[in-house]
Amino acid sequence: MAPVPTGWIEHRRGDNELIGWIVPEGEDFATVDLLGRRSEPVDWLTAEERLDELGIGYLADRYAYWKTSETWARVKIIEVSPDGITVQEDDYGDAIGGVPLPSHRLVWPMPVELMPLTEVSG
């Protein structure tokens, strides 16, 4: 995993699974989730609670990846770290008999081309 910026403080859940970082901002603290999404600054306790409540369940959600400005694919996240995000096109639960599904390596933090599927209309 690529190093995160100096000063970012790892936040882990009870089983020691990394769930994000707490980042000092002046007298407050922002949170950064595993996709690199940053929150507004809050106090330390609220930052910890925010990450604990968020957890990592969002990584199992489906996302839309805009392959071009007019073409998108439904994808699932298969790997995430500050080195990058790997998504795989979703087969909607169908088995394709050994045919590998296309995957895409994206930058971290989460680029604008990747968004929760619930935000895509049509």
PDB file of N, CA and C in Angstrom:
ATOM      1  N   MET A   1       0.845  -1.169   0.000  1.00  0.00           N
ATOM      2  CA  MET A   1       0.000   0.000   0.000  1.00  0.00           C
ATOM      3  C   MET A   1       0.894   1.237   0.000  1.00  0.00           C
ATOM      4  N   ALA A   2       0.531   2.192  -0.813  1.00  0.00           N
ATOM      5  CA  ALA A   2       1.272   3.451  -0.856  1.00  0.00           C
ATOM      6  C   ALA A   2       1.071   4.179   0.469  1.00  0.00           C
ATOM      7  N   PRO A   3       2.065   4.922   0.876  1.00  0.00           N
ATOM      8  CA  PRO A   3       1.894   5.642   2.134  1.00  0.00           C
ATOM      9  C   PRO A   3       0.854   6.757   1.998  1.00  0.00           C
ATOM     10  N   VAL A   4       0.081   6.932   3.049  1.00  0.00           N
ATOM     11  CA  VAL A   4      -0.858   8.052   3.078  1.00  0.00           C
ATOM     12  C   VAL A   4      -0.075   9.274   3.551  1.00  0.00           C
ATOM     13  N   PRO A   5      -0.615  10.447   3.344  1.00  0.00           N
ATOM     14  CA  PRO A   5       0.117  11.647   3.759  1.00  0.00           C
ATOM     15  C   PRO A   5       0.496  11.629   5.243  1.00  0.00           C
ATOM     16  N   THR A   6       1.619  12.221   5.543  1.00  0.00           N
ATOM     17  CA  THR A   6       2.078  12.350   6.918  1.00  0.00           C
ATOM     18  C   THR A   6       1.027  13.084   7.735  1.00  0.00           C
ATOM     19  N   GLY A   7       0.786  12.604   8.915  1.00  0.00           N
ATOM     20  CA  GLY A   7      -0.183  13.242   9.792  1.00  0.00           C
ATOM     21  C   GLY A   7      -1.556  12.592   9.771  1.00  0.00           C
ATOM     22  N   TRP A   8      -1.824  11.732   8.790  1.00  0.00           N
ATOM     23  CA  TRP A   8      -3.093  11.006   8.778  1.00  0.00           C
ATOM     24  C   TRP A   8      -3.016   9.913   9.837  1.00  0.00           C
ATOM     25  N   ILE A   9      -4.054   9.771  10.628  1.00  0.00           N
ATOM     26  CA  ILE A   9      -4.070   8.822  11.725  1.00  0.00           C
ATOM     27  C   ILE A   9      -5.028   7.685  11.365  1.00  0.00           C
ATOM     28  N   GLU A  10      -4.493   6.463  11.327  1.00  0.00           N
ATOM     29  CA  GLU A  10      -5.332   5.302  11.008  1.00  0.00           C
ATOM     30  C   GLU A  10      -6.418   5.142  12.057  1.00  0.00           C
ATOM     31  N   HIS A  11      -7.614   4.760  11.596  1.00  0.00           N
ATOM     32  CA  HIS A  11      -8.705   4.432  12.524  1.00  0.00           C
ATOM     33  C   HIS A  11      -9.160   3.019  12.176  1.00  0.00           C
ATOM     34  N   ARG A  12      -9.157   2.151  13.176  1.00  0.00           N
ATOM     35  CA  ARG A  12      -9.487   0.739  12.984  1.00  0.00           C
ATOM     36  C   ARG A  12     -10.671   0.357  13.854  1.00  0.00           C
ATOM     37  N   ARG A  13     -11.424  -0.628  13.371  1.00  0.00           N
ATOM     38  CA  ARG A  13     -12.530  -1.130  14.183  1.00  0.00           C
ATOM     39  C   ARG A  13     -11.989  -2.160  15.173  1.00  0.00           C
ATOM     40  N   GLY A  14     -12.879  -2.741  15.963  1.00  0.00           N
ATOM     41  CA  GLY A  14     -12.485  -3.650  17.030  1.00  0.00           C
ATOM     42  C   GLY A  14     -11.653  -4.846  16.606  1.00  0.00           C
ATOM     43  N   ASP A  15     -11.859  -5.340  15.371  1.00  0.00           N
ATOM     44  CA  ASP A  15     -11.090  -6.497  14.891  1.00  0.00           C
ATOM     45  C   ASP A  15      -9.802  -6.075  14.191  1.00  0.00           C
ATOM     46  N   ASN A  16      -9.435  -4.816  14.344  1.00  0.00           N
ATOM     47  CA  ASN A  16      -8.208  -4.223  13.796  1.00  0.00           C
ATOM     48  C   ASN A  16      -8.272  -3.954  12.290  1.00  0.00           C
ATOM     49  N   GLU A  17      -9.445  -4.085  11.685  1.00  0.00           N
ATOM     50  CA  GLU A  17      -9.624  -3.773  10.260  1.00  0.00           C
ATOM     51  C   GLU A  17      -9.578  -2.254  10.077  1.00  0.00           C
ATOM     52  N   LEU A  18      -8.740  -1.792   9.156  1.00  0.00           N
ATOM     53  CA  LEU A  18      -8.662  -0.370   8.847  1.00  0.00           C
ATOM     54  C   LEU A  18      -9.978   0.085   8.229  1.00  0.00           C
ATOM     55  N   ILE A  19     -10.553   1.169   8.770  1.00  0.00           N
ATOM     56  CA  ILE A  19     -11.796   1.694   8.205  1.00  0.00           C
ATOM     57  C   ILE A  19     -11.649   3.124   7.715  1.00  0.00           C
ATOM     58  N   GLY A  20     -10.481   3.718   7.893  1.00  0.00           N
ATOM     59  CA  GLY A  20     -10.258   5.060   7.384  1.00  0.00           C
ATOM     60  C   GLY A  20      -9.188   5.782   8.180  1.00  0.00           C
ATOM     61  N   TRP A  21      -9.137   7.095   7.962  1.00  0.00           N
ATOM     62  CA  TRP A  21      -8.136   7.918   8.603  1.00  0.00           C
ATOM     63  C   TRP A  21      -8.791   9.153   9.204  1.00  0.00           C
ATOM     64  N   ILE A  22      -8.172   9.662  10.244  1.00  0.00           N
ATOM     65  CA  ILE A  22      -8.576  10.932  10.831  1.00  0.00           C
ATOM     66  C   ILE A  22      -7.442  11.911  10.540  1.00  0.00           C
ATOM     67  N   VAL A  23      -7.830  13.067   9.984  1.00  0.00           N
ATOM     68  CA  VAL A  23      -6.847  14.027   9.487  1.00  0.00           C
ATOM     69  C   VAL A  23      -6.988  15.351  10.235  1.00  0.00           C
ATOM     70  N   PRO A  24      -5.936  15.777  10.942  1.00  0.00           N
ATOM     71  CA  PRO A  24      -6.006  17.065  11.634  1.00  0.00           C
ATOM     72  C   PRO A  24      -6.202  18.215  10.643  1.00  0.00           C
ATOM     73  N   GLU A  25      -7.133  19.092  10.987  1.00  0.00           N
ATOM     74  CA  GLU A  25      -7.377  20.309  10.204  1.00  0.00           C
ATOM     75  C   GLU A  25      -7.596  21.444  11.186  1.00  0.00           C
ATOM     76  N   GLY A  26      -6.526  22.190  11.450  1.00  0.00           N
ATOM     77  CA  GLY A  26      -6.611  23.237  12.453  1.00  0.00           C
ATOM     78  C   GLY A  26      -6.894  22.608  13.802  1.00  0.00           C
ATOM     79  N   GLU A  27      -7.938  23.079  14.474  1.00  0.00           N
ATOM     80  CA  GLU A  27      -8.323  22.519  15.771  1.00  0.00           C
ATOM     81  C   GLU A  27      -9.291  21.353  15.640  1.00  0.00           C
ATOM     82  N   ASP A  28      -9.737  21.047  14.428  1.00  0.00           N
ATOM     83  CA  ASP A  28     -10.700  19.979  14.185  1.00  0.00           C
ATOM     84  C   ASP A  28     -10.052  18.842  13.406  1.00  0.00           C
ATOM     85  N   PHE A  29     -10.908  17.882  12.997  1.00  0.00           N
ATOM     86  CA  PHE A  29     -10.422  16.682  12.314  1.00  0.00           C
ATOM     87  C   PHE A  29     -11.396  16.269  11.227  1.00  0.00           C
ATOM     88  N   ALA A  30     -10.876  16.021  10.039  1.00  0.00           N
ATOM     89  CA  ALA A  30     -11.681  15.482   8.946  1.00  0.00           C
ATOM     90  C   ALA A  30     -11.498  13.968   8.950  1.00  0.00           C
ATOM     91  N   THR A  31     -12.437  13.266   8.347  1.00  0.00           N
ATOM     92  CA  THR A  31     -12.278  11.828   8.169  1.00  0.00           C
ATOM     93  C   THR A  31     -12.068  11.555   6.680  1.00  0.00           C
ATOM     94  N   VAL A  32     -11.338  10.496   6.409  1.00  0.00           N
ATOM     95  CA  VAL A  32     -11.129  10.034   5.038  1.00  0.00           C
ATOM     96  C   VAL A  32     -11.452   8.547   5.031  1.00  0.00           C
ATOM     97  N   ASP A  33     -12.428   8.151   4.195  1.00  0.00           N
ATOM     98  CA  ASP A  33     -12.783   6.729   4.143  1.00  0.00           C
ATOM     99  C   ASP A  33     -11.821   5.985   3.229  1.00  0.00           C
ATOM    100  N   LEU A  34     -12.017   4.690   3.077  1.00  0.00           N
ATOM    101  CA  LEU A  34     -11.088   3.873   2.294  1.00  0.00           C
ATOM    102  C   LEU A  34     -11.073   4.223   0.812  1.00  0.00           C
ATOM    103  N   LEU A  35     -12.122   4.890   0.325  1.00  0.00           N
ATOM    104  CA  LEU A  35     -12.140   5.339  -1.072  1.00  0.00           C
ATOM    105  C   LEU A  35     -11.498   6.718  -1.230  1.00  0.00           C
ATOM    106  N   GLY A  36     -11.064   7.294  -0.104  1.00  0.00           N
ATOM    107  CA  GLY A  36     -10.395   8.588  -0.160  1.00  0.00           C
ATOM    108  C   GLY A  36     -11.340   9.769  -0.078  1.00  0.00           C
ATOM    109  N   ARG A  37     -12.598   9.524   0.253  1.00  0.00           N
ATOM    110  CA  ARG A  37     -13.569  10.615   0.365  1.00  0.00           C
ATOM    111  C   ARG A  37     -13.391  11.301   1.714  1.00  0.00           C
ATOM    112  N   ARG A  38     -13.292  12.604   1.664  1.00  0.00           N
ATOM    113  CA  ARG A  38     -12.991  13.410   2.850  1.00  0.00           C
ATOM    114  C   ARG A  38     -14.249  14.098   3.367  1.00  0.00           C
ATOM    115  N   SER A  39     -14.397  14.145   4.682  1.00  0.00           N
ATOM    116  CA  SER A  39     -15.548  14.800   5.309  1.00  0.00           C
ATOM    117  C   SER A  39     -15.199  16.236   5.710  1.00  0.00           C
ATOM    118  N   GLU A  40     -16.216  16.938   6.136  1.00  0.00           N
ATOM    119  CA  GLU A  40     -16.014  18.250   6.731  1.00  0.00           C
ATOM    120  C   GLU A  40     -15.370  18.058   8.104  1.00  0.00           C
ATOM    121  N   PRO A  41     -14.572  19.025   8.549  1.00  0.00           N
ATOM    122  CA  PRO A  41     -13.939  18.904   9.869  1.00  0.00           C
ATOM    123  C   PRO A  41     -14.958  18.921  11.011  1.00  0.00           C
ATOM    124  N   VAL A  42     -14.677  18.093  12.012  1.00  0.00           N
ATOM    125  CA  VAL A  42     -15.488  17.990  13.226  1.00  0.00           C
ATOM    126  C   VAL A  42     -14.533  17.760  14.398  1.00  0.00           C
ATOM    127  N   ASP A  43     -15.066  17.623  15.599  1.00  0.00           N
ATOM    128  CA  ASP A  43     -14.202  17.318  16.742  1.00  0.00           C
ATOM    129  C   ASP A  43     -13.751  15.854  16.670  1.00  0.00           C
ATOM    130  N   TRP A  44     -12.744  15.506  17.466  1.00  0.00           N
ATOM    131  CA  TRP A  44     -12.143  14.166  17.422  1.00  0.00           C
ATOM    132  C   TRP A  44     -13.170  13.061  17.651  1.00  0.00           C
ATOM    133  N   LEU A  45     -13.969  13.175  18.689  1.00  0.00           N
ATOM    134  CA  LEU A  45     -14.931  12.129  19.016  1.00  0.00           C
ATOM    135  C   LEU A  45     -15.933  11.916  17.880  1.00  0.00           C
ATOM    136  N   THR A  46     -16.419  13.005  17.302  1.00  0.00           N
ATOM    137  CA  THR A  46     -17.356  12.902  16.182  1.00  0.00           C
ATOM    138  C   THR A  46     -16.682  12.249  14.979  1.00  0.00           C
ATOM    139  N   ALA A  47     -15.405  12.549  14.749  1.00  0.00           N
ATOM    140  CA  ALA A  47     -14.671  11.923  13.637  1.00  0.00           C
ATOM    141  C   ALA A  47     -14.590  10.414  13.846  1.00  0.00           C
ATOM    142  N   GLU A  48     -14.257   9.991  15.062  1.00  0.00           N
ATOM    143  CA  GLU A  48     -14.204   8.551  15.343  1.00  0.00           C
ATOM    144  C   GLU A  48     -15.575   7.904  15.144  1.00  0.00           C
ATOM    145  N   GLU A  49     -16.611   8.542  15.664  1.00  0.00           N
ATOM    146  CA  GLU A  49     -17.960   8.005  15.533  1.00  0.00           C
ATOM    147  C   GLU A  49     -18.382   7.925  14.071  1.00  0.00           C
ATOM    148  N   ARG A  50     -18.026   8.939  13.294  1.00  0.00           N
ATOM    149  CA  ARG A  50     -18.386   8.969  11.869  1.00  0.00           C
ATOM    150  C   ARG A  50     -17.794   7.767  11.145  1.00  0.00           C
ATOM    151  N   LEU A  51     -16.506   7.504  11.369  1.00  0.00           N
ATOM    152  CA  LEU A  51     -15.873   6.361  10.704  1.00  0.00           C
ATOM    153  C   LEU A  51     -16.435   5.034  11.215  1.00  0.00           C
ATOM    154  N   ASP A  52     -16.676   4.941  12.519  1.00  0.00           N
ATOM    155  CA  ASP A  52     -17.247   3.712  13.076  1.00  0.00           C
ATOM    156  C   ASP A  52     -18.617   3.422  12.474  1.00  0.00           C
ATOM    157  N   GLU A  53     -19.442   4.456  12.334  1.00  0.00           N
ATOM    158  CA  GLU A  53     -20.781   4.281  11.761  1.00  0.00           C
ATOM    159  C   GLU A  53     -20.711   3.930  10.279  1.00  0.00           C
ATOM    160  N   LEU A  54     -19.779   4.540   9.570  1.00  0.00           N
ATOM    161  CA  LEU A  54     -19.629   4.265   8.139  1.00  0.00           C
ATOM    162  C   LEU A  54     -19.157   2.837   7.907  1.00  0.00           C
ATOM    163  N   GLY A  55     -18.190   2.382   8.701  1.00  0.00           N
ATOM    164  CA  GLY A  55     -17.660   1.031   8.541  1.00  0.00           C
ATOM    165  C   GLY A  55     -17.043   0.829   7.167  1.00  0.00           C
ATOM    166  N   ILE A  56     -17.206  -0.389   6.639  1.00  0.00           N
ATOM    167  CA  ILE A  56     -16.684  -0.691   5.300  1.00  0.00           C
ATOM    168  C   ILE A  56     -17.750  -1.310   4.399  1.00  0.00           C
ATOM    169  N   GLY A  57     -18.987  -1.345   4.854  1.00  0.00           N
ATOM    170  CA  GLY A  57     -20.071  -1.951   4.085  1.00  0.00           C
ATOM    171  C   GLY A  57     -20.266  -1.336   2.715  1.00  0.00           C
ATOM    172  N   TYR A  58     -19.963  -0.049   2.571  1.00  0.00           N
ATOM    173  CA  TYR A  58     -20.122   0.635   1.282  1.00  0.00           C
ATOM    174  C   TYR A  58     -19.237   0.027   0.204  1.00  0.00           C
ATOM    175  N   LEU A  59     -18.193  -0.685   0.597  1.00  0.00           N
ATOM    176  CA  LEU A  59     -17.318  -1.320  -0.399  1.00  0.00           C
ATOM    177  C   LEU A  59     -18.037  -2.465  -1.117  1.00  0.00           C
ATOM    178  N   ALA A  60     -19.080  -3.021  -0.513  1.00  0.00           N
ATOM    179  CA  ALA A  60     -19.840  -4.110  -1.138  1.00  0.00           C
ATOM    180  C   ALA A  60     -20.958  -3.588  -2.044  1.00  0.00           C
ATOM    181  N   ASP A  61     -21.216  -2.283  -2.005  1.00  0.00           N
ATOM    182  CA  ASP A  61     -22.250  -1.701  -2.854  1.00  0.00           C
ATOM    183  C   ASP A  61     -21.845  -1.774  -4.323  1.00  0.00           C
ATOM    184  N   ARG A  62     -22.813  -1.601  -5.192  1.00  0.00           N
ATOM    185  CA  ARG A  62     -22.530  -1.525  -6.624  1.00  0.00           C
ATOM    186  C   ARG A  62     -22.312  -0.062  -7.003  1.00  0.00           C
ATOM    187  N   TYR A  63     -21.455   0.143  -7.978  1.00  0.00           N
ATOM    188  CA  TYR A  63     -21.078   1.478  -8.437  1.00  0.00           C
ATOM    189  C   TYR A  63     -21.244   1.558  -9.945  1.00  0.00           C
ATOM    190  N   ALA A  64     -21.267   2.763 -10.439  1.00  0.00           N
ATOM    191  CA  ALA A  64     -21.256   3.007 -11.883  1.00  0.00           C
ATOM    192  C   ALA A  64     -19.882   3.553 -12.229  1.00  0.00           C
ATOM    193  N   TYR A  65     -19.284   2.997 -13.254  1.00  0.00           N
ATOM    194  CA  TYR A  65     -17.991   3.480 -13.749  1.00  0.00           C
ATOM    195  C   TYR A  65     -18.230   4.030 -15.147  1.00  0.00           C
ATOM    196  N   TRP A  66     -17.982   5.312 -15.314  1.00  0.00           N
ATOM    197  CA  TRP A  66     -18.157   5.977 -16.612  1.00  0.00           C
ATOM    198  C   TRP A  66     -16.919   5.705 -17.457  1.00  0.00           C
ATOM    199  N   LYS A  67     -17.030   4.735 -18.360  1.00  0.00           N
ATOM    200  CA  LYS A  67     -15.908   4.357 -19.231  1.00  0.00           C
ATOM    201  C   LYS A  67     -15.631   5.460 -20.253  1.00  0.00           C
ATOM    202  N   THR A  68     -16.678   6.107 -20.716  1.00  0.00           N
ATOM    203  CA  THR A  68     -16.568   7.275 -21.589  1.00  0.00           C
ATOM    204  C   THR A  68     -17.624   8.258 -21.105  1.00  0.00           C
ATOM    205  N   SER A  69     -17.708   9.422 -21.706  1.00  0.00           N
ATOM    206  CA  SER A  69     -18.700  10.403 -21.273  1.00  0.00           C
ATOM    207  C   SER A  69     -20.127   9.931 -21.519  1.00  0.00           C
ATOM    208  N   GLU A  70     -20.301   8.914 -22.381  1.00  0.00           N
ATOM    209  CA  GLU A  70     -21.642   8.428 -22.701  1.00  0.00           C
ATOM    210  C   GLU A  70     -21.878   6.964 -22.339  1.00  0.00           C
ATOM    211  N   THR A  71     -20.851   6.253 -21.901  1.00  0.00           N
ATOM    212  CA  THR A  71     -20.969   4.830 -21.625  1.00  0.00           C
ATOM    213  C   THR A  71     -20.524   4.524 -20.205  1.00  0.00           C
ATOM    214  N   TRP A  72     -21.407   3.864 -19.471  1.00  0.00           N
ATOM    215  CA  TRP A  72     -21.041   3.464 -18.124  1.00  0.00           C
ATOM    216  C   TRP A  72     -21.297   1.980 -17.942  1.00  0.00           C
ATOM    217  N   ALA A  73     -20.615   1.427 -16.947  1.00  0.00           N
ATOM    218  CA  ALA A  73     -20.783   0.009 -16.621  1.00  0.00           C
ATOM    219  C   ALA A  73     -21.089  -0.115 -15.139  1.00  0.00           C
ATOM    220  N   ARG A  74     -21.927  -1.063 -14.813  1.00  0.00           N
ATOM    221  CA  ARG A  74     -22.188  -1.389 -13.414  1.00  0.00           C
ATOM    222  C   ARG A  74     -20.990  -2.203 -12.937  1.00  0.00           C
ATOM    223  N   VAL A  75     -20.387  -1.792 -11.816  1.00  0.00           N
ATOM    224  CA  VAL A  75     -19.172  -2.443 -11.322  1.00  0.00           C
ATOM    225  C   VAL A  75     -19.259  -2.693  -9.820  1.00  0.00           C
ATOM    226  N   LYS A  76     -18.369  -3.570  -9.377  1.00  0.00           N
ATOM    227  CA  LYS A  76     -18.173  -3.788  -7.948  1.00  0.00           C
ATOM    228  C   LYS A  76     -16.696  -3.561  -7.647  1.00  0.00           C
ATOM    229  N   ILE A  77     -16.440  -3.086  -6.455  1.00  0.00           N
ATOM    230  CA  ILE A  77     -15.065  -2.838  -6.030  1.00  0.00           C
ATOM    231  C   ILE A  77     -14.452  -4.164  -5.612  1.00  0.00           C
ATOM    232  N   ILE A  78     -13.285  -4.483  -6.158  1.00  0.00           N
ATOM    233  CA  ILE A  78     -12.631  -5.734  -5.760  1.00  0.00           C
ATOM    234  C   ILE A  78     -11.334  -5.492  -4.994  1.00  0.00           C
ATOM    235  N   GLU A  79     -10.807  -4.268  -5.068  1.00  0.00           N
ATOM    236  CA  GLU A  79      -9.600  -3.947  -4.308  1.00  0.00           C
ATOM    237  C   GLU A  79      -9.532  -2.440  -4.138  1.00  0.00           C
ATOM    238  N   VAL A  80      -9.123  -2.009  -2.948  1.00  0.00           N
ATOM    239  CA  VAL A  80      -8.970  -0.580  -2.707  1.00  0.00           C
ATOM    240  C   VAL A  80      -7.823  -0.341  -1.740  1.00  0.00           C
ATOM    241  N   SER A  81      -6.982   0.618  -2.082  1.00  0.00           N
ATOM    242  CA  SER A  81      -5.894   1.073  -1.223  1.00  0.00           C
ATOM    243  C   SER A  81      -5.441   2.416  -1.786  1.00  0.00           C
ATOM    244  N   PRO A  82      -4.592   3.124  -1.058  1.00  0.00           N
ATOM    245  CA  PRO A  82      -4.061   4.367  -1.622  1.00  0.00           C
ATOM    246  C   PRO A  82      -3.253   4.154  -2.908  1.00  0.00           C
ATOM    247  N   ASP A  83      -2.954   2.890  -3.262  1.00  0.00           N
ATOM    248  CA  ASP A  83      -2.300   2.600  -4.544  1.00  0.00           C
ATOM    249  C   ASP A  83      -3.271   2.704  -5.707  1.00  0.00           C
ATOM    250  N   GLY A  84      -4.568   2.563  -5.430  1.00  0.00           N
ATOM    251  CA  GLY A  84      -5.571   2.629  -6.479  1.00  0.00           C
ATOM    252  C   GLY A  84      -6.794   1.809  -6.119  1.00  0.00           C
ATOM    253  N   ILE A  85      -7.794   1.913  -6.981  1.00  0.00           N
ATOM    254  CA  ILE A  85      -9.059   1.208  -6.795  1.00  0.00           C
ATOM    255  C   ILE A  85      -9.260   0.316  -8.013  1.00  0.00           C
ATOM    256  N   THR A  86      -9.511  -0.959  -7.779  1.00  0.00           N
ATOM    257  CA  THR A  86      -9.806  -1.875  -8.880  1.00  0.00           C
ATOM    258  C   THR A  86     -11.277  -2.236  -8.819  1.00  0.00           C
ATOM    259  N   VAL A  87     -11.953  -2.054  -9.950  1.00  0.00           N
ATOM    260  CA  VAL A  87     -13.361  -2.413 -10.057  1.00  0.00           C
ATOM    261  C   VAL A  87     -13.501  -3.469 -11.148  1.00  0.00           C
ATOM    262  N   GLN A  88     -14.530  -4.293 -11.013  1.00  0.00           N
ATOM    263  CA  GLN A  88     -14.808  -5.328 -12.012  1.00  0.00           C
ATOM    264  C   GLN A  88     -16.240  -5.155 -12.477  1.00  0.00           C
ATOM    265  N   GLU A  89     -16.444  -5.242 -13.770  1.00  0.00           N
ATOM    266  CA  GLU A  89     -17.791  -5.122 -14.297  1.00  0.00           C
ATOM    267  C   GLU A  89     -18.648  -6.232 -13.709  1.00  0.00           C
ATOM    268  N   ASP A  90     -19.885  -5.881 -13.400  1.00  0.00           N
ATOM    269  CA  ASP A  90     -20.802  -6.775 -12.695  1.00  0.00           C
ATOM    270  C   ASP A  90     -21.552  -7.656 -13.684  1.00  0.00           C
ATOM    271  N   ASP A  91     -21.688  -8.931 -13.324  1.00  0.00           N
ATOM    272  CA  ASP A  91     -22.406  -9.874 -14.188  1.00  0.00           C
ATOM    273  C   ASP A  91     -23.861 -10.038 -13.755  1.00  0.00           C
ATOM    274  N   TYR A  92     -24.311  -9.189 -12.834  1.00  0.00           N
ATOM    275  CA  TYR A  92     -25.689  -9.231 -12.335  1.00  0.00           C
ATOM    276  C   TYR A  92     -26.036 -10.590 -11.744  1.00  0.00           C
ATOM    277  N   GLY A  93     -25.028 -11.307 -11.238  1.00  0.00           N
ATOM    278  CA  GLY A  93     -25.268 -12.603 -10.620  1.00  0.00           C
ATOM    279  C   GLY A  93     -25.296 -13.765 -11.586  1.00  0.00           C
ATOM    280  N   ASP A  94     -25.113 -13.505 -12.869  1.00  0.00           N
ATOM    281  CA  ASP A  94     -25.117 -14.579 -13.865  1.00  0.00           C
ATOM    282  C   ASP A  94     -23.717 -15.174 -13.997  1.00  0.00           C
ATOM    283  N   ALA A  95     -23.646 -16.466 -14.109  1.00  0.00           N
ATOM    284  CA  ALA A  95     -22.370 -17.122 -14.370  1.00  0.00           C
ATOM    285  C   ALA A  95     -22.130 -17.091 -15.872  1.00  0.00           C
ATOM    286  N   ILE A  96     -20.926 -16.708 -16.272  1.00  0.00           N
ATOM    287  CA  ILE A  96     -20.625 -16.611 -17.700  1.00  0.00           C
ATOM    288  C   ILE A  96     -19.699 -17.753 -18.130  1.00  0.00           C
ATOM    289  N   GLY A  97     -19.648 -18.792 -17.378  1.00  0.00           N
ATOM    290  CA  GLY A  97     -18.892 -19.972 -17.784  1.00  0.00           C
ATOM    291  C   GLY A  97     -17.409 -19.751 -18.003  1.00  0.00           C
ATOM    292  N   GLY A  98     -16.728 -19.167 -17.031  1.00  0.00           N
ATOM    293  CA  GLY A  98     -15.284 -19.028 -17.115  1.00  0.00           C
ATOM    294  C   GLY A  98     -14.784 -17.843 -17.912  1.00  0.00           C
ATOM    295  N   VAL A  99     -15.674 -17.036 -18.462  1.00  0.00           N
ATOM    296  CA  VAL A  99     -15.244 -15.850 -19.199  1.00  0.00           C
ATOM    297  C   VAL A  99     -14.917 -14.756 -18.189  1.00  0.00           C
ATOM    298  N   PRO A 100     -13.673 -14.278 -18.164  1.00  0.00           N
ATOM    299  CA  PRO A 100     -13.335 -13.237 -17.196  1.00  0.00           C
ATOM    300  C   PRO A 100     -14.063 -11.924 -17.514  1.00  0.00           C
ATOM    301  N   LEU A 101     -14.560 -11.298 -16.483  1.00  0.00           N
ATOM    302  CA  LEU A 101     -15.229 -10.016 -16.649  1.00  0.00           C
ATOM    303  C   LEU A 101     -14.186  -8.913 -16.702  1.00  0.00           C
ATOM    304  N   PRO A 102     -14.439  -7.872 -17.496  1.00  0.00           N
ATOM    305  CA  PRO A 102     -13.479  -6.771 -17.567  1.00  0.00           C
ATOM    306  C   PRO A 102     -13.310  -6.095 -16.206  1.00  0.00           C
ATOM    307  N   SER A 103     -12.074  -5.725 -15.901  1.00  0.00           N
ATOM    308  CA  SER A 103     -11.808  -4.961 -14.693  1.00  0.00           C
ATOM    309  C   SER A 103     -11.065  -3.689 -15.095  1.00  0.00           C
ATOM    310  N   HIS A 104     -11.105  -2.710 -14.213  1.00  0.00           N
ATOM    311  CA  HIS A 104     -10.510  -1.406 -14.493  1.00  0.00           C
ATOM    312  C   HIS A 104      -9.757  -0.941 -13.255  1.00  0.00           C
ATOM    313  N   ARG A 105      -8.546  -0.450 -13.463  1.00  0.00           N
ATOM    314  CA  ARG A 105      -7.735   0.088 -12.362  1.00  0.00           C
ATOM    315  C   ARG A 105      -7.890   1.601 -12.385  1.00  0.00           C
ATOM    316  N   LEU A 106      -8.341   2.163 -11.264  1.00  0.00           N
ATOM    317  CA  LEU A 106      -8.608   3.590 -11.154  1.00  0.00           C
ATOM    318  C   LEU A 106      -7.688   4.213 -10.125  1.00  0.00           C
ATOM    319  N   VAL A 107      -7.590   5.513 -10.164  1.00  0.00           N
ATOM    320  CA  VAL A 107      -6.755   6.235  -9.204  1.00  0.00           C
ATOM    321  C   VAL A 107      -7.465   6.315  -7.853  1.00  0.00           C
ATOM    322  N   TRP A 108      -6.701   6.583  -6.833  1.00  0.00           N
ATOM    323  CA  TRP A 108      -7.198   6.854  -5.490  1.00  0.00           C
ATOM    324  C   TRP A 108      -6.774   8.265  -5.148  1.00  0.00           C
ATOM    325  N   PRO A 109      -7.584   9.095  -4.577  1.00  0.00           N
ATOM    326  CA  PRO A 109      -8.924   8.832  -4.102  1.00  0.00           C
ATOM    327  C   PRO A 109      -9.912   8.617  -5.244  1.00  0.00           C
ATOM    328  N   MET A 110     -11.105   8.154  -4.874  1.00  0.00           N
ATOM    329  CA  MET A 110     -12.139   7.781  -5.839  1.00  0.00           C
ATOM    330  C   MET A 110     -12.334   8.883  -6.876  1.00  0.00           C
ATOM    331  N   PRO A 111     -12.132   8.549  -8.159  1.00  0.00           N
ATOM    332  CA  PRO A 111     -12.291   9.563  -9.213  1.00  0.00           C
ATOM    333  C   PRO A 111     -13.765   9.847  -9.505  1.00  0.00           C
ATOM    334  N   VAL A 112     -14.027  10.950 -10.165  1.00  0.00           N
ATOM    335  CA  VAL A 112     -15.414  11.324 -10.491  1.00  0.00           C
ATOM    336  C   VAL A 112     -16.059  10.324 -11.444  1.00  0.00           C
ATOM    337  N   GLU A 113     -15.268   9.536 -12.164  1.00  0.00           N
ATOM    338  CA  GLU A 113     -15.815   8.531 -13.082  1.00  0.00           C
ATOM    339  C   GLU A 113     -16.450   7.354 -12.359  1.00  0.00           C
ATOM    340  N   LEU A 114     -16.238   7.263 -11.058  1.00  0.00           N
ATOM    341  CA  LEU A 114     -16.806   6.188 -10.261  1.00  0.00           C
ATOM    342  C   LEU A 114     -17.776   6.817  -9.261  1.00  0.00           C
ATOM    343  N   MET A 115     -19.003   6.319  -9.246  1.00  0.00           N
ATOM    344  CA  MET A 115     -19.996   6.852  -8.321  1.00  0.00           C
ATOM    345  C   MET A 115     -20.942   5.747  -7.890  1.00  0.00           C
ATOM    346  N   PRO A 116     -21.566   5.920  -6.732  1.00  0.00           N
ATOM    347  CA  PRO A 116     -22.543   4.910  -6.309  1.00  0.00           C
ATOM    348  C   PRO A 116     -23.612   4.730  -7.382  1.00  0.00           C
ATOM    349  N   LEU A 117     -23.999   3.501  -7.635  1.00  0.00           N
ATOM    350  CA  LEU A 117     -24.978   3.184  -8.661  1.00  0.00           C
ATOM    351  C   LEU A 117     -26.291   3.910  -8.398  1.00  0.00           C
ATOM    352  N   THR A 118     -26.611   4.145  -7.145  1.00  0.00           N
ATOM    353  CA  THR A 118     -27.850   4.830  -6.790  1.00  0.00           C
ATOM    354  C   THR A 118     -27.886   6.282  -7.290  1.00  0.00           C
ATOM    355  N   GLU A 119     -26.736   6.839  -7.666  1.00  0.00           N
ATOM    356  CA  GLU A 119     -26.668   8.215  -8.153  1.00  0.00           C
ATOM    357  C   GLU A 119     -26.812   8.313  -9.669  1.00  0.00           C
ATOM    358  N   VAL A 120     -26.907   7.165 -10.346  1.00  0.00           N
ATOM    359  CA  VAL A 120     -27.017   7.156 -11.799  1.00  0.00           C
ATOM    360  C   VAL A 120     -28.477   6.977 -12.173  1.00  0.00           C
ATOM    361  N   SER A 121     -28.964   7.865 -13.014  1.00  0.00           N
ATOM    362  CA  SER A 121     -30.355   7.723 -13.472  1.00  0.00           C
ATOM    363  C   SER A 121     -30.357   7.151 -14.881  1.00  0.00           C
ATOM    364  N   GLY A 122     -31.328   6.316 -15.120  1.00  0.00           N
ATOM    365  CA  GLY A 122     -31.465   5.727 -16.452  1.00  0.00           C
ATOM    366  C   GLY A 122     -30.680   4.557 -16.572  1.00  0.00           C
TER     367      GLY A 122
END
